[in-house]
C-alpha atoms as a PDB file:
ATOM      1  CA  MET A   1     -45.092  76.826-102.854  1.00  0.00           C
ATOM      2  CA  TYR A   2     -46.513  79.133-100.188  1.00  0.00           C
ATOM      3  CA  LEU A   3     -44.612  82.224 -99.134  1.00  0.00           C
ATOM      4  CA  ARG A   4     -44.897  83.237 -95.494  1.00  0.00           C
ATOM      5  CA  GLY A   5     -45.350  86.839 -94.529  1.00  0.00           C
ATOM      6  CA  GLU A   6     -44.451  88.819 -91.438  1.00  0.00           C
ATOM      7  CA  LEU A   7     -46.321  88.773 -88.140  1.00  0.00           C
ATOM      8  CA  THR A   8     -49.214  91.288 -88.194  1.00  0.00           C
ATOM      9  CA  HIS A   9     -51.614  92.513 -85.482  1.00  0.00           C
ATOM     10  CA  HIS A  10     -54.601  93.827 -87.375  1.00  0.00           C
ATOM     11  CA  GLY A  11     -58.179  92.629 -87.476  1.00  0.00           C
ATOM     12  CA  LEU A  12     -61.472  93.144 -89.306  1.00  0.00           C
ATOM     13  CA  ALA A  13     -63.717  95.656 -87.460  1.00  0.00           C
ATOM     14  CA  GLU A  14     -64.280  94.113 -84.014  1.00  0.00           C
ATOM     15  CA  TYR A  15     -63.531  90.562 -85.194  1.00  0.00           C
ATOM     16  CA  LEU A  16     -60.008  89.368 -84.309  1.00  0.00           C
ATOM     17  CA  GLU A  17     -58.968  92.959 -83.562  1.00  0.00           C
ATOM     18  CA  GLY A  18     -55.324  92.985 -82.595  1.00  0.00           C
ATOM     19  CA  CYS A  19     -54.961  89.198 -82.928  1.00  0.00           C
ATOM     20  CA  PRO A  20     -51.389  88.339 -84.067  1.00  0.00           C
ATOM     21  CA  ARG A  21     -51.326  86.488 -87.367  1.00  0.00           C
ATOM     22  CA  VAL A  22     -48.972  85.243 -90.041  1.00  0.00           C
ATOM     23  CA  TYR A  23     -50.276  84.739 -93.579  1.00  0.00           C
ATOM     24  CA  ALA A  24     -48.972  82.284 -96.147  1.00  0.00           C
ATOM     25  CA  VAL A  25     -49.908  82.946 -99.804  1.00  0.00           C
ATOM     26  CA  LYS A  26     -49.431  81.256-103.178  1.00  0.00           C
ATOM     27  CA  GLY A  27     -50.791  82.046-106.586  1.00  0.00           C
ATOM     28  CA  THR A  28     -51.072  80.087-109.850  1.00  0.00           C
ATOM     29  CA  TRP A  29     -52.370  80.686-113.337  1.00  0.00           C
ATOM     30  CA  GLN A  30     -55.113  78.257-114.361  1.00  0.00           C
ATOM     31  CA  GLY A  31     -55.261  78.862-118.056  1.00  0.00           C
ATOM     32  CA  ASP A  32     -54.734  82.086-119.968  1.00  0.00           C
ATOM     33  CA  HIS A  33     -57.399  84.178-118.157  1.00  0.00           C
ATOM     34  CA  THR A  34     -57.675  82.856-114.598  1.00  0.00           C
ATOM     35  CA  PHE A  35     -55.316  83.503-111.672  1.00  0.00           C
ATOM     36  CA  VAL A  36     -55.998  81.788-108.324  1.00  0.00           C
ATOM     37  CA  ILE A  37     -54.586  82.918-104.967  1.00  0.00           C
ATOM     38  CA  ASP A  38     -54.691  80.701-101.853  1.00  0.00           C
ATOM     39  CA  ARG A  39     -54.166  82.479 -98.536  1.00  0.00           C
ATOM     40  CA  LEU A  40     -53.727  80.709 -95.198  1.00  0.00           C
ATOM     41  CA  VAL A  41     -53.836  82.299 -91.756  1.00  0.00           C
ATOM     42  CA  LEU A  42     -51.297  80.177 -89.946  1.00  0.00           C
ATOM     43  CA  GLY A  43     -52.229  78.889 -86.521  1.00  0.00           C
ATOM     44  CA  GLN A  44     -55.867  80.052 -86.643  1.00  0.00           C
ATOM     45  CA  GLY A  45     -57.483  76.719 -87.490  1.00  0.00           C
ATOM     46  CA  VAL A  46     -59.529  78.045 -90.390  1.00  0.00           C
ATOM     47  CA  SER A  47     -59.476  76.813 -93.979  1.00  0.00           C
ATOM     48  CA  ALA A  48     -57.598  78.662 -96.687  1.00  0.00           C
ATOM     49  CA  GLU A  49     -59.171  81.575 -98.543  1.00  0.00           C
ATOM     50  CA  GLN A  50     -59.273  81.221-102.280  1.00  0.00           C
ATOM     51  CA  TRP A  51     -59.319  84.305-104.503  1.00  0.00           C
ATOM     52  CA  THR A  52     -60.102  83.619-108.166  1.00  0.00           C
ATOM     53  CA  LEU A  53     -59.519  86.421-110.652  1.00  0.00           C
ATOM     54  CA  THR A  54     -60.915  85.860-114.167  1.00  0.00           C
ATOM     55  CA  PHE A  55     -59.876  88.341-116.844  1.00  0.00           C
ATOM     56  CA  ASP A  56     -61.804  89.093-120.048  1.00  0.00           C
ATOM     57  CA  GLY A  57     -60.259  91.983-121.978  1.00  0.00           C
ATOM     58  CA  GLU A  58     -60.604  94.992-119.695  1.00  0.00           C
ATOM     59  CA  LYS A  59     -63.113  93.244-117.411  1.00  0.00           C
ATOM     60  CA  VAL A  60     -62.262  91.218-114.282  1.00  0.00           C
ATOM     61  CA  ASN A  61     -64.349  88.977-112.062  1.00  0.00           C
ATOM     62  CA  VAL A  62     -63.154  88.371-108.515  1.00  0.00           C
ATOM     63  CA  ARG A  63     -64.564  85.470-106.507  1.00  0.00           C
ATOM     64  CA  LEU A  64     -63.588  84.937-102.873  1.00  0.00           C
ATOM     65  CA  LYS A  65     -64.255  81.678-101.051  1.00  0.00           C
ATOM     66  CA  PHE A  66     -63.507  81.698 -97.323  1.00  0.00           C
ATOM     67  CA  TRP A  67     -64.590  79.891 -94.170  1.00  0.00           C
ATOM     68  CA  ARG A  68     -67.797  81.930 -93.807  1.00  0.00           C
ATOM     69  CA  GLY A  69     -69.001  81.793 -97.378  1.00  0.00           C
ATOM     70  CA  GLU A  70     -68.404  83.349-100.817  1.00  0.00           C
ATOM     71  CA  LEU A  71     -68.297  86.834-102.297  1.00  0.00           C
ATOM     72  CA  SER A  72     -67.914  88.008-105.890  1.00  0.00           C
ATOM     73  CA  ALA A  73     -67.549  91.261-107.779  1.00  0.00           C
ATOM     74  CA  ASN A  74     -67.120  92.410-111.337  1.00  0.00           C
ATOM     75  CA  GLY A  75     -65.058  95.323-112.476  1.00  0.00           C
ATOM     76  CA  GLU A  76     -63.136  96.976-115.315  1.00  0.00           C
ATOM     77  CA  THR A  77     -59.607  98.293-115.642  1.00  0.00           C
ATOM     78  CA  GLY A  78     -59.208 102.020-115.829  1.00  0.00           C
ATOM     79  CA  GLY A  79     -57.837 103.180-119.131  1.00  0.00           C
END
C-alpha cells in the first residue's frame, strides 16, 4: 500500500522549481538482502521511480530507475 505525503513546493535545480507536488511511497523486501522503494509523484504524469537497495554485509548497492533513465552507486556502512 502506498502512503501519501504532504504537499511540497521544491524542485531540482531549475527543473520543476517551486512546482507543488505530493509523493506517494511504498517499500517491500524482496528476499533477505533487497529492499525496493516505489515513489510516485501524484498528478505529474510521470512513471514511478524505483529505488532498489541490495545489501551484502557492510556493502550496499543502490539502483534508481526513473523516467529519464537509471543511476546506480555502491557504498559501505560506516562502522
